Amino acid sequence: MSVEVVCGKCGERIALMKMLKPLRDVTSKHGGRCPHCGQRLSPSEFSLDAAGA
């Protein structure tokens, strides 16, 4: 199962993870902002939608 991290503002994928890791690690890679629209990403404000086969 893989996990997608998607921007809540523009809907673009920020990361695709094969293994779950702290969201802070994912957001810090892009300076805490969405690389597509520039929206500030907050690790405390997110939702999780997991779909597996």
Protein backbone atom coordinates (compact mmCIF):
# COMPACT_ATOMS: atom_id res chain seq x y z
CA MET A 1 0.00 0.00 0.00
CA SER A 2 1.25 3.48 -0.79
CA VAL A 3 0.23 6.81 0.69
CA GLU A 4 -0.27 10.04 -1.28
CA VAL A 5 0.25 13.44 0.30
CA VAL A 6 -1.99 15.92 -1.55
CA CYS A 7 -2.27 19.70 -1.17
CA GLY A 8 -5.64 20.68 0.29
CA LYS A 9 -5.73 23.91 -1.72
CA CYS A 10 -4.77 22.90 -5.27
CA GLY A 11 -5.20 19.11 -5.06
CA GLU A 12 -1.79 18.37 -6.56
CA ARG A 13 0.26 15.45 -5.23
CA ILE A 14 3.14 16.53 -3.04
CA ALA A 15 4.56 13.08 -2.28
CA LEU A 16 3.93 9.39 -2.78
CA MET A 17 5.27 7.23 0.03
CA LYS A 18 5.72 3.47 -0.01
CA MET A 19 6.34 3.46 3.73
CA LEU A 20 4.59 5.73 6.20
CA LYS A 21 6.85 8.40 7.67
CA PRO A 22 6.21 11.54 9.70
CA LEU A 23 4.34 14.19 7.71
CA ARG A 24 6.78 16.79 8.99
CA ASP A 25 9.58 15.02 7.06
CA VAL A 26 7.55 15.21 3.85
CA THR A 27 6.56 18.86 4.20
CA SER A 28 10.04 20.02 5.21
CA LYS A 29 11.41 18.68 1.90
CA HIS A 30 9.60 21.53 0.12
CA GLY A 31 10.26 24.20 2.73
CA GLY A 32 6.85 23.69 4.36
CA ARG A 33 4.97 24.84 1.23
CA CYS A 34 3.19 23.15 -1.66
CA PRO A 35 5.63 23.13 -4.62
CA HIS A 36 2.71 23.74 -7.02
CA CYS A 37 0.68 26.59 -5.48
CA GLY A 38 2.82 27.82 -2.55
CA GLN A 39 0.20 27.08 0.14
CA ARG A 40 1.74 26.75 3.60
CA LEU A 41 1.54 23.10 4.70
CA SER A 42 0.82 22.43 8.34
CA PRO A 43 1.59 18.96 9.74
CA SER A 44 -1.11 19.49 12.38
CA GLU A 45 -3.86 20.17 9.83
CA PHE A 46 -4.30 17.25 7.48
CA SER A 47 -6.69 14.44 6.67
CA LEU A 48 -5.90 10.86 5.81
CA ASP A 49 -7.62 8.88 3.09
CA ALA A 50 -6.12 5.42 2.69
CA ALA A 51 -7.23 3.09 -0.04
CA GLY A 52 -5.66 -0.29 -0.50
CA ALA A 53 -6.25 -3.29 -2.67
